[in-house]
């Protein structure tokens, strides 16, 4: 009896060791190495300095084991990038700045932070308003992908005019322009990579670079999402221009052949069940193609 129990325990222990070994091999093979350099927005960022190497290595490891978020971002990427990239190009912002969204919101247009930042670009209310977005109880354009992206472009170009370095611009998106400018002056540096920063902002820059590496080669991180598994952009059936009040968005949806839920999903910036529109603004309300 005892012999059988001992044998079973030994076999289970051996099996666990074997499984652990196999998982270690798979994990090691799926984890990408720190590259010699990354080109970001036309600038070459090298990792031959020990501190740069270790900071990059940390974020590559983090992305490797961030399975849920990484997979969802890969699935969302086609839909979100298809809407954002033409705006970045039109506004003269390098394509690589799209990776800020991956860190800010995981490419989720519904994202809201504990501090109240909202949308793909995670604008706070005050910052959103300062860059031309309407933020109120009925309309919140931080959730409007096109308008929020144009507001983000305005911020990014303003910061680039000040710093002349896109990674410093990225750091300022997290830490604020005043905070980054003060540190550059006090620490007598020209780029954010050479600053002593709070951990969140310090990591932010390397997380963006890790995101670029992952999106360009997800298999190296152990992720594979086929083109057919990615969420596709849903072209609207039509767009209705509204310049007056809409007393009931439920009625409005029904009149346009969709449900209230479908209307709200296609227009996340509509934050209430009505649109009072006292100022008589003109809004473009998307009517989704529910056959897709």
C-alpha atoms as a PDB file:
ATOM      1  CA  UNK A   1       0.000   0.000   0.000  1.00  0.00           C
ATOM      2  CA  UNK A   2       2.672   2.468   1.069  1.00  0.00           C
ATOM      3  CA  UNK A   3       4.757   1.446  -1.906  1.00  0.00           C
ATOM      4  CA  UNK A   4       1.902   2.312  -4.268  1.00  0.00           C
ATOM      5  CA  UNK A   5       1.370   5.701  -2.608  1.00  0.00           C
ATOM      6  CA  UNK A   6       5.094   6.455  -2.763  1.00  0.00           C
ATOM      7  CA  UNK A   7       5.218   5.458  -6.435  1.00  0.00           C
ATOM      8  CA  UNK A   8       2.178   7.623  -7.252  1.00  0.00           C
ATOM      9  CA  UNK A   9       3.680  10.606  -5.414  1.00  0.00           C
ATOM     10  CA  UNK A  10       6.965  10.148  -7.234  1.00  0.00           C
ATOM     11  CA  UNK A  11       5.219   9.900 -10.602  1.00  0.00           C
ATOM     12  CA  UNK A  12       3.151  13.045  -9.940  1.00  0.00           C
ATOM     13  CA  UNK A  13       6.251  14.927  -8.808  1.00  0.00           C
ATOM     14  CA  UNK A  14       8.092  13.839 -11.924  1.00  0.00           C
ATOM     15  CA  UNK A  15       5.170  14.887 -14.108  1.00  0.00           C
ATOM     16  CA  UNK A  16       5.034  18.319 -12.481  1.00  0.00           C
ATOM     17  CA  UNK A  17       8.762  18.778 -12.977  1.00  0.00           C
ATOM     18  CA  UNK A  18       8.395  17.782 -16.634  1.00  0.00           C
ATOM     19  CA  UNK A  19       5.494  20.176 -17.172  1.00  0.00           C
ATOM     20  CA  UNK A  20       7.377  23.001 -15.441  1.00  0.00           C
ATOM     21  CA  UNK A  21      10.394  22.330 -17.625  1.00  0.00           C
ATOM     22  CA  UNK A  22       8.337  22.365 -20.806  1.00  0.00           C
ATOM     23  CA  UNK A  23       6.616  25.611 -19.793  1.00  0.00           C
ATOM     24  CA  UNK A  24       9.990  27.183 -19.077  1.00  0.00           C
ATOM     25  CA  UNK A  25      11.241  26.171 -22.517  1.00  0.00           C
ATOM     26  CA  UNK A  26       8.137  27.552 -24.231  1.00  0.00           C
ATOM     27  CA  UNK A  27       8.288  30.773 -22.237  1.00  0.00           C
ATOM     28  CA  UNK A  28      11.962  31.271 -22.954  1.00  0.00           C
ATOM     29  CA  UNK A  29      11.463  30.685 -26.657  1.00  0.00           C
ATOM     30  CA  UNK A  30       8.485  33.107 -26.783  1.00  0.00           C
ATOM     31  CA  UNK A  31      10.164  35.946 -24.956  1.00  0.00           C
ATOM     32  CA  UNK A  32      11.914  38.338 -27.367  1.00  0.00           C
ATOM     33  CA  UNK A  33      15.415  39.569 -26.712  1.00  0.00           C
ATOM     34  CA  UNK A  34      16.259  43.227 -26.413  1.00  0.00           C
ATOM     35  CA  UNK A  35      17.204  44.390 -29.923  1.00  0.00           C
ATOM     36  CA  UNK A  36      20.274  46.465 -30.628  1.00  0.00           C
ATOM     37  CA  UNK A  37      18.028  49.382 -31.495  1.00  0.00           C
ATOM     38  CA  UNK A  38      14.499  50.439 -32.387  1.00  0.00           C
ATOM     39  CA  UNK A  39      13.600  53.094 -34.940  1.00  0.00           C
ATOM     40  CA  UNK A  40      10.749  55.179 -33.582  1.00  0.00           C
ATOM     41  CA  UNK A  41       9.273  58.068 -35.583  1.00  0.00           C
ATOM     42  CA  UNK A  42      12.484  58.259 -37.599  1.00  0.00           C
ATOM     43  CA  UNK A  43      14.799  58.339 -34.577  1.00  0.00           C
ATOM     44  CA  UNK A  44      17.134  55.438 -33.753  1.00  0.00           C
ATOM     45  CA  UNK A  45      17.001  54.444 -30.096  1.00  0.00           C
ATOM     46  CA  UNK A  46      19.877  52.181 -29.018  1.00  0.00           C
ATOM     47  CA  UNK A  47      20.072  49.893 -26.009  1.00  0.00           C
ATOM     48  CA  UNK A  48      23.847  49.586 -25.654  1.00  0.00           C
ATOM     49  CA  UNK A  49      23.727  51.430 -22.331  1.00  0.00           C
ATOM     50  CA  UNK A  50      23.097  49.035 -19.433  1.00  0.00           C
ATOM     51  CA  UNK A  51      20.252  51.093 -17.978  1.00  0.00           C
ATOM     52  CA  UNK A  52      18.536  51.378 -21.375  1.00  0.00           C
ATOM     53  CA  UNK A  53      18.940  47.622 -21.918  1.00  0.00           C
ATOM     54  CA  UNK A  54      17.433  46.684 -18.558  1.00  0.00           C
ATOM     55  CA  UNK A  55      14.521  49.087 -18.845  1.00  0.00           C
ATOM     56  CA  UNK A  56      13.685  47.743 -22.300  1.00  0.00           C
ATOM     57  CA  UNK A  57      14.051  44.148 -21.129  1.00  0.00           C
ATOM     58  CA  UNK A  58      11.562  44.736 -18.311  1.00  0.00           C
ATOM     59  CA  UNK A  59       8.852  45.947 -20.686  1.00  0.00           C
ATOM     60  CA  UNK A  60       9.415  43.149 -23.180  1.00  0.00           C
ATOM     61  CA  UNK A  61       8.942  40.652 -20.353  1.00  0.00           C
ATOM     62  CA  UNK A  62       5.812  42.484 -19.188  1.00  0.00           C
ATOM     63  CA  UNK A  63       4.273  42.401 -22.669  1.00  0.00           C
ATOM     64  CA  UNK A  64       5.089  38.723 -23.047  1.00  0.00           C
ATOM     65  CA  UNK A  65       3.026  37.770 -20.008  1.00  0.00           C
ATOM     66  CA  UNK A  66       0.234  40.332 -20.432  1.00  0.00           C
ATOM     67  CA  UNK A  67      -1.796  37.760 -22.340  1.00  0.00           C
ATOM     68  CA  UNK A  68      -5.350  39.107 -22.156  1.00  0.00           C
ATOM     69  CA  UNK A  69      -4.542  42.733 -22.945  1.00  0.00           C
ATOM     70  CA  UNK A  70      -2.010  41.869 -25.636  1.00  0.00           C
ATOM     71  CA  UNK A  71      -4.394  39.496 -27.421  1.00  0.00           C
ATOM     72  CA  UNK A  72      -7.280  41.962 -27.282  1.00  0.00           C
ATOM     73  CA  UNK A  73      -5.081  44.781 -28.584  1.00  0.00           C
ATOM     74  CA  UNK A  74      -3.984  42.640 -31.523  1.00  0.00           C
ATOM     75  CA  UNK A  75      -7.618  41.820 -32.287  1.00  0.00           C
ATOM     76  CA  UNK A  76      -8.685  45.476 -32.076  1.00  0.00           C
ATOM     77  CA  UNK A  77      -5.740  46.874 -33.998  1.00  0.00           C
ATOM     78  CA  UNK A  78      -7.105  46.705 -37.559  1.00  0.00           C
ATOM     79  CA  UNK A  79     -10.343  48.463 -36.620  1.00  0.00           C
ATOM     80  CA  UNK A  80      -8.718  51.223 -34.563  1.00  0.00           C
ATOM     81  CA  UNK A  81      -5.654  51.868 -36.705  1.00  0.00           C
ATOM     82  CA  UNK A  82      -7.787  52.062 -39.853  1.00  0.00           C
ATOM     83  CA  UNK A  83      -9.580  55.036 -38.322  1.00  0.00           C
ATOM     84  CA  UNK A  84      -6.597  56.729 -36.698  1.00  0.00           C
ATOM     85  CA  UNK A  85      -3.723  56.404 -39.187  1.00  0.00           C
ATOM     86  CA  UNK A  86      -5.258  58.569 -41.950  1.00  0.00           C
ATOM     87  CA  UNK A  87      -5.735  61.346 -39.384  1.00  0.00           C
ATOM     88  CA  UNK A  88      -2.142  61.094 -38.119  1.00  0.00           C
ATOM     89  CA  UNK A  89      -0.926  61.300 -41.713  1.00  0.00           C
ATOM     90  CA  UNK A  90      -3.150  64.258 -42.516  1.00  0.00           C
ATOM     91  CA  UNK A  91      -2.031  66.065 -39.364  1.00  0.00           C
ATOM     92  CA  UNK A  92       1.671  65.399 -40.005  1.00  0.00           C
ATOM     93  CA  UNK A  93       2.214  63.187 -36.948  1.00  0.00           C
ATOM     94  CA  UNK A  94       4.463  60.110 -37.373  1.00  0.00           C
ATOM     95  CA  UNK A  95       2.605  56.803 -37.581  1.00  0.00           C
ATOM     96  CA  UNK A  96       4.532  55.382 -34.622  1.00  0.00           C
ATOM     97  CA  UNK A  97       2.664  57.737 -32.280  1.00  0.00           C
ATOM     98  CA  UNK A  98      -0.321  55.400 -32.653  1.00  0.00           C
ATOM     99  CA  UNK A  99       1.359  53.205 -30.047  1.00  0.00           C
ATOM    100  CA  UNK A 100       0.545  55.780 -27.373  1.00  0.00           C
ATOM    101  CA  UNK A 101      -3.038  54.520 -27.614  1.00  0.00           C
ATOM    102  CA  UNK A 102      -1.958  50.976 -26.824  1.00  0.00           C
ATOM    103  CA  UNK A 103      -0.475  52.113 -23.533  1.00  0.00           C
ATOM    104  CA  UNK A 104      -3.162  54.665 -22.756  1.00  0.00           C
ATOM    105  CA  UNK A 105      -6.278  52.588 -23.429  1.00  0.00           C
ATOM    106  CA  UNK A 106      -5.330  49.133 -24.770  1.00  0.00           C
ATOM    107  CA  UNK A 107      -7.028  50.333 -27.988  1.00  0.00           C
ATOM    108  CA  UNK A 108     -10.382  50.323 -26.195  1.00  0.00           C
ATOM    109  CA  UNK A 109     -12.440  53.402 -27.191  1.00  0.00           C
ATOM    110  CA  UNK A 110     -14.635  52.901 -24.091  1.00  0.00           C
ATOM    111  CA  UNK A 111     -11.701  53.012 -21.677  1.00  0.00           C
ATOM    112  CA  UNK A 112     -12.022  55.143 -18.532  1.00  0.00           C
ATOM    113  CA  UNK A 113      -9.224  55.423 -15.980  1.00  0.00           C
ATOM    114  CA  UNK A 114      -9.647  55.629 -12.221  1.00  0.00           C
ATOM    115  CA  UNK A 115      -8.622  59.300 -12.502  1.00  0.00           C
ATOM    116  CA  UNK A 116     -11.373  60.019 -15.038  1.00  0.00           C
ATOM    117  CA  UNK A 117      -9.345  60.044 -18.257  1.00  0.00           C
ATOM    118  CA  UNK A 118     -11.461  58.717 -21.131  1.00  0.00           C
ATOM    119  CA  UNK A 119     -11.354  57.353 -24.655  1.00  0.00           C
ATOM    120  CA  UNK A 120      -8.582  55.972 -26.833  1.00  0.00           C
ATOM    121  CA  UNK A 121      -6.259  58.869 -26.042  1.00  0.00           C
ATOM    122  CA  UNK A 122      -7.270  59.112 -22.365  1.00  0.00           C
ATOM    123  CA  UNK A 123      -7.914  62.834 -22.138  1.00  0.00           C
ATOM    124  CA  UNK A 124      -8.841  64.309 -18.789  1.00  0.00           C
ATOM    125  CA  UNK A 125     -11.881  66.588 -18.942  1.00  0.00           C
ATOM    126  CA  UNK A 126      -9.954  69.839 -18.664  1.00  0.00           C
ATOM    127  CA  UNK A 127      -7.260  68.817 -21.123  1.00  0.00           C
ATOM    128  CA  UNK A 128      -9.859  67.626 -23.609  1.00  0.00           C
ATOM    129  CA  UNK A 129     -11.664  70.955 -23.456  1.00  0.00           C
ATOM    130  CA  UNK A 130      -8.402  72.881 -23.845  1.00  0.00           C
ATOM    131  CA  UNK A 131      -7.806  71.057 -27.131  1.00  0.00           C
ATOM    132  CA  UNK A 132     -11.252  71.768 -28.516  1.00  0.00           C
ATOM    133  CA  UNK A 133     -13.292  68.770 -27.373  1.00  0.00           C
ATOM    134  CA  UNK A 134     -16.801  69.154 -26.032  1.00  0.00           C
ATOM    135  CA  UNK A 135     -17.021  67.404 -22.677  1.00  0.00           C
ATOM    136  CA  UNK A 136     -20.375  67.379 -20.934  1.00  0.00           C
ATOM    137  CA  UNK A 137     -23.115  65.166 -19.562  1.00  0.00           C
ATOM    138  CA  UNK A 138     -24.789  64.594 -22.947  1.00  0.00           C
ATOM    139  CA  UNK A 139     -21.836  64.897 -25.317  1.00  0.00           C
ATOM    140  CA  UNK A 140     -18.285  63.802 -24.537  1.00  0.00           C
ATOM    141  CA  UNK A 141     -16.048  63.980 -27.577  1.00  0.00           C
ATOM    142  CA  UNK A 142     -13.209  62.235 -25.800  1.00  0.00           C
ATOM    143  CA  UNK A 143     -15.046  59.115 -26.988  1.00  0.00           C
ATOM    144  CA  UNK A 144     -15.257  60.382 -30.573  1.00  0.00           C
ATOM    145  CA  UNK A 145     -12.345  58.643 -32.295  1.00  0.00           C
ATOM    146  CA  UNK A 146     -11.832  61.209 -35.052  1.00  0.00           C
ATOM    147  CA  UNK A 147     -12.142  64.311 -32.874  1.00  0.00           C
ATOM    148  CA  UNK A 148     -10.094  62.893 -30.019  1.00  0.00           C
ATOM    149  CA  UNK A 149      -7.351  61.856 -32.446  1.00  0.00           C
ATOM    150  CA  UNK A 150      -7.214  65.354 -33.915  1.00  0.00           C
ATOM    151  CA  UNK A 151      -7.009  66.779 -30.392  1.00  0.00           C
ATOM    152  CA  UNK A 152      -4.167  64.367 -29.593  1.00  0.00           C
ATOM    153  CA  UNK A 153      -2.381  65.445 -32.774  1.00  0.00           C
ATOM    154  CA  UNK A 154      -2.659  69.079 -31.708  1.00  0.00           C
ATOM    155  CA  UNK A 155      -1.052  68.208 -28.366  1.00  0.00           C
ATOM    156  CA  UNK A 156       1.689  66.099 -29.939  1.00  0.00           C
ATOM    157  CA  UNK A 157       2.642  68.733 -32.517  1.00  0.00           C
ATOM    158  CA  UNK A 158       2.665  71.449 -29.862  1.00  0.00           C
ATOM    159  CA  UNK A 159       4.985  69.346 -27.709  1.00  0.00           C
ATOM    160  CA  UNK A 160       7.254  68.478 -30.660  1.00  0.00           C
ATOM    161  CA  UNK A 161       7.648  72.175 -31.471  1.00  0.00           C
ATOM    162  CA  UNK A 162       8.927  72.554 -27.905  1.00  0.00           C
ATOM    163  CA  UNK A 163      11.174  69.476 -27.596  1.00  0.00           C
ATOM    164  CA  UNK A 164      12.104  68.387 -31.134  1.00  0.00           C
ATOM    165  CA  UNK A 165      12.166  64.751 -29.987  1.00  0.00           C
ATOM    166  CA  UNK A 166       9.212  62.385 -30.311  1.00  0.00           C
ATOM    167  CA  UNK A 167      10.053  60.195 -27.323  1.00  0.00           C
ATOM    168  CA  UNK A 168      10.249  63.285 -25.133  1.00  0.00           C
ATOM    169  CA  UNK A 169       6.878  64.239 -26.584  1.00  0.00           C
ATOM    170  CA  UNK A 170       5.597  60.801 -25.558  1.00  0.00           C
ATOM    171  CA  UNK A 171       6.957  61.275 -22.038  1.00  0.00           C
ATOM    172  CA  UNK A 172       5.161  64.616 -21.826  1.00  0.00           C
ATOM    173  CA  UNK A 173       1.903  62.928 -22.840  1.00  0.00           C
ATOM    174  CA  UNK A 174       2.173  60.937 -19.640  1.00  0.00           C
ATOM    175  CA  UNK A 175       3.969  63.357 -17.344  1.00  0.00           C
ATOM    176  CA  UNK A 176       2.715  66.685 -18.697  1.00  0.00           C
ATOM    177  CA  UNK A 177       4.669  69.304 -20.596  1.00  0.00           C
ATOM    178  CA  UNK A 178       5.286  71.432 -17.523  1.00  0.00           C
ATOM    179  CA  UNK A 179       6.645  68.469 -15.590  1.00  0.00           C
ATOM    180  CA  UNK A 180       8.963  67.330 -18.381  1.00  0.00           C
ATOM    181  CA  UNK A 181      10.149  70.865 -19.163  1.00  0.00           C
ATOM    182  CA  UNK A 182      10.969  71.531 -15.499  1.00  0.00           C
ATOM    183  CA  UNK A 183      12.957  68.303 -15.232  1.00  0.00           C
ATOM    184  CA  UNK A 184      14.848  68.948 -18.456  1.00  0.00           C
ATOM    185  CA  UNK A 185      15.870  72.351 -17.122  1.00  0.00           C
ATOM    186  CA  UNK A 186      16.723  71.241 -13.584  1.00  0.00           C
ATOM    187  CA  UNK A 187      18.622  68.131 -14.665  1.00  0.00           C
ATOM    188  CA  UNK A 188      20.300  69.940 -17.600  1.00  0.00           C
ATOM    189  CA  UNK A 189      19.292  67.400 -20.209  1.00  0.00           C
ATOM    190  CA  UNK A 190      17.749  67.617 -23.670  1.00  0.00           C
ATOM    191  CA  UNK A 191      15.848  64.326 -23.940  1.00  0.00           C
ATOM    192  CA  UNK A 192      13.492  62.491 -21.620  1.00  0.00           C
ATOM    193  CA  UNK A 193      15.495  59.257 -21.899  1.00  0.00           C
ATOM    194  CA  UNK A 194      18.257  60.964 -19.912  1.00  0.00           C
ATOM    195  CA  UNK A 195      16.010  62.192 -17.113  1.00  0.00           C
ATOM    196  CA  UNK A 196      15.376  60.813 -13.656  1.00  0.00           C
ATOM    197  CA  UNK A 197      11.589  60.491 -13.752  1.00  0.00           C
ATOM    198  CA  UNK A 198       8.807  59.007 -11.686  1.00  0.00           C
ATOM    199  CA  UNK A 199       8.547  55.305 -12.501  1.00  0.00           C
ATOM    200  CA  UNK A 200       5.284  55.550 -14.441  1.00  0.00           C
ATOM    201  CA  UNK A 201       6.654  58.099 -16.921  1.00  0.00           C
ATOM    202  CA  UNK A 202      10.044  56.407 -17.103  1.00  0.00           C
ATOM    203  CA  UNK A 203       8.415  53.090 -18.004  1.00  0.00           C
ATOM    204  CA  UNK A 204       5.926  54.752 -20.345  1.00  0.00           C
ATOM    205  CA  UNK A 205       8.521  55.431 -23.038  1.00  0.00           C
ATOM    206  CA  UNK A 206       9.828  51.870 -23.005  1.00  0.00           C
ATOM    207  CA  UNK A 207       6.319  50.426 -22.971  1.00  0.00           C
ATOM    208  CA  UNK A 208       5.583  52.311 -26.188  1.00  0.00           C
ATOM    209  CA  UNK A 209       8.700  50.840 -27.788  1.00  0.00           C
ATOM    210  CA  UNK A 210       7.747  47.360 -26.547  1.00  0.00           C
ATOM    211  CA  UNK A 211       4.297  47.846 -28.062  1.00  0.00           C
ATOM    212  CA  UNK A 212       5.826  48.684 -31.430  1.00  0.00           C
ATOM    213  CA  UNK A 213       8.002  45.570 -31.315  1.00  0.00           C
ATOM    214  CA  UNK A 214       5.037  43.388 -30.352  1.00  0.00           C
ATOM    215  CA  UNK A 215       2.695  44.705 -33.029  1.00  0.00           C
ATOM    216  CA  UNK A 216       5.366  44.264 -35.680  1.00  0.00           C
ATOM    217  CA  UNK A 217       6.195  40.711 -34.566  1.00  0.00           C
ATOM    218  CA  UNK A 218       3.603  39.288 -32.134  1.00  0.00           C
ATOM    219  CA  UNK A 219       4.767  35.697 -32.690  1.00  0.00           C
ATOM    220  CA  UNK A 220       8.055  36.573 -30.986  1.00  0.00           C
ATOM    221  CA  UNK A 221       6.001  37.205 -27.832  1.00  0.00           C
ATOM    222  CA  UNK A 222       4.087  33.956 -28.173  1.00  0.00           C
ATOM    223  CA  UNK A 223       0.954  35.545 -29.673  1.00  0.00           C
ATOM    224  CA  UNK A 224      -0.702  34.637 -32.927  1.00  0.00           C
ATOM    225  CA  UNK A 225      -3.909  36.308 -34.071  1.00  0.00           C
ATOM    226  CA  UNK A 226      -4.863  35.436 -37.626  1.00  0.00           C
ATOM    227  CA  UNK A 227      -6.171  38.193 -39.926  1.00  0.00           C
ATOM    228  CA  UNK A 228      -9.581  36.560 -39.806  1.00  0.00           C
ATOM    229  CA  UNK A 229      -9.669  36.811 -36.008  1.00  0.00           C
ATOM    230  CA  UNK A 230      -9.102  40.567 -35.961  1.00  0.00           C
ATOM    231  CA  UNK A 231     -12.086  42.828 -35.441  1.00  0.00           C
ATOM    232  CA  UNK A 232     -12.966  44.601 -38.663  1.00  0.00           C
ATOM    233  CA  UNK A 233     -14.020  48.198 -39.067  1.00  0.00           C
ATOM    234  CA  UNK A 234     -17.770  48.543 -39.494  1.00  0.00           C
ATOM    235  CA  UNK A 235     -18.611  51.122 -42.183  1.00  0.00           C
ATOM    236  CA  UNK A 236     -21.726  53.118 -41.298  1.00  0.00           C
ATOM    237  CA  UNK A 237     -24.956  52.653 -43.185  1.00  0.00           C
ATOM    238  CA  UNK A 238     -25.311  56.418 -43.216  1.00  0.00           C
ATOM    239  CA  UNK A 239     -24.566  59.539 -41.194  1.00  0.00           C
ATOM    240  CA  UNK A 240     -27.372  61.798 -40.044  1.00  0.00           C
ATOM    241  CA  UNK A 241     -26.661  65.492 -39.499  1.00  0.00           C
ATOM    242  CA  UNK A 242     -28.445  66.902 -36.467  1.00  0.00           C
ATOM    243  CA  UNK A 243     -28.577  70.642 -35.720  1.00  0.00           C
ATOM    244  CA  UNK A 244     -31.406  70.716 -33.212  1.00  0.00           C
ATOM    245  CA  UNK A 245     -32.514  68.804 -30.145  1.00  0.00           C
ATOM    246  CA  UNK A 246     -33.190  65.074 -30.088  1.00  0.00           C
ATOM    247  CA  UNK A 247     -35.623  64.503 -27.244  1.00  0.00           C
ATOM    248  CA  UNK A 248     -35.258  60.717 -27.309  1.00  0.00           C
ATOM    249  CA  UNK A 249     -32.359  58.826 -28.790  1.00  0.00           C
ATOM    250  CA  UNK A 250     -34.407  55.659 -28.386  1.00  0.00           C
ATOM    251  CA  UNK A 251     -37.009  57.122 -30.779  1.00  0.00           C
ATOM    252  CA  UNK A 252     -34.252  58.461 -33.035  1.00  0.00           C
ATOM    253  CA  UNK A 253     -32.656  55.017 -33.251  1.00  0.00           C
ATOM    254  CA  UNK A 254     -35.974  53.351 -34.020  1.00  0.00           C
ATOM    255  CA  UNK A 255     -36.746  55.891 -36.730  1.00  0.00           C
ATOM    256  CA  UNK A 256     -33.424  55.027 -38.370  1.00  0.00           C
ATOM    257  CA  UNK A 257     -33.895  51.275 -38.227  1.00  0.00           C
ATOM    258  CA  UNK A 258     -31.502  50.395 -35.403  1.00  0.00           C
ATOM    259  CA  UNK A 259     -31.759  49.679 -31.705  1.00  0.00           C
ATOM    260  CA  UNK A 260     -30.761  52.174 -29.032  1.00  0.00           C
ATOM    261  CA  UNK A 261     -27.881  49.870 -28.045  1.00  0.00           C
ATOM    262  CA  UNK A 262     -26.600  49.741 -31.636  1.00  0.00           C
ATOM    263  CA  UNK A 263     -26.824  53.533 -31.942  1.00  0.00           C
ATOM    264  CA  UNK A 264     -24.902  54.078 -28.709  1.00  0.00           C
ATOM    265  CA  UNK A 265     -22.215  51.548 -29.661  1.00  0.00           C
ATOM    266  CA  UNK A 266     -21.623  53.420 -32.929  1.00  0.00           C
ATOM    267  CA  UNK A 267     -21.642  56.838 -31.212  1.00  0.00           C
ATOM    268  CA  UNK A 268     -19.866  56.428 -27.878  1.00  0.00           C
ATOM    269  CA  UNK A 269     -19.653  60.202 -27.542  1.00  0.00           C
ATOM    270  CA  UNK A 270     -23.425  60.349 -26.944  1.00  0.00           C
ATOM    271  CA  UNK A 271     -23.482  60.011 -23.160  1.00  0.00           C
ATOM    272  CA  UNK A 272     -27.178  60.389 -22.447  1.00  0.00           C
ATOM    273  CA  UNK A 273     -30.496  59.129 -23.839  1.00  0.00           C
ATOM    274  CA  UNK A 274     -31.203  62.553 -25.321  1.00  0.00           C
ATOM    275  CA  UNK A 275     -29.410  65.416 -27.058  1.00  0.00           C
ATOM    276  CA  UNK A 276     -30.679  68.740 -25.750  1.00  0.00           C
ATOM    277  CA  UNK A 277     -28.354  70.790 -27.981  1.00  0.00           C
ATOM    278  CA  UNK A 278     -29.337  74.189 -26.589  1.00  0.00           C
ATOM    279  CA  UNK A 279     -26.640  75.925 -28.608  1.00  0.00           C
ATOM    280  CA  UNK A 280     -27.849  74.513 -31.919  1.00  0.00           C
ATOM    281  CA  UNK A 281     -24.566  72.782 -32.776  1.00  0.00           C
ATOM    282  CA  UNK A 282     -24.320  70.451 -35.743  1.00  0.00           C
ATOM    283  CA  UNK A 283     -23.545  66.841 -34.857  1.00  0.00           C
ATOM    284  CA  UNK A 284     -22.860  63.872 -37.124  1.00  0.00           C
ATOM    285  CA  UNK A 285     -24.637  60.798 -35.771  1.00  0.00           C
ATOM    286  CA  UNK A 286     -23.573  57.488 -37.291  1.00  0.00           C
ATOM    287  CA  UNK A 287     -26.261  54.978 -38.168  1.00  0.00           C
ATOM    288  CA  UNK A 288     -24.534  51.567 -38.132  1.00  0.00           C
ATOM    289  CA  UNK A 289     -25.045  48.908 -40.734  1.00  0.00           C
ATOM    290  CA  UNK A 290     -26.587  46.234 -38.520  1.00  0.00           C
ATOM    291  CA  UNK A 291     -26.338  43.625 -41.279  1.00  0.00           C
ATOM    292  CA  UNK A 292     -22.560  43.396 -40.782  1.00  0.00           C
END
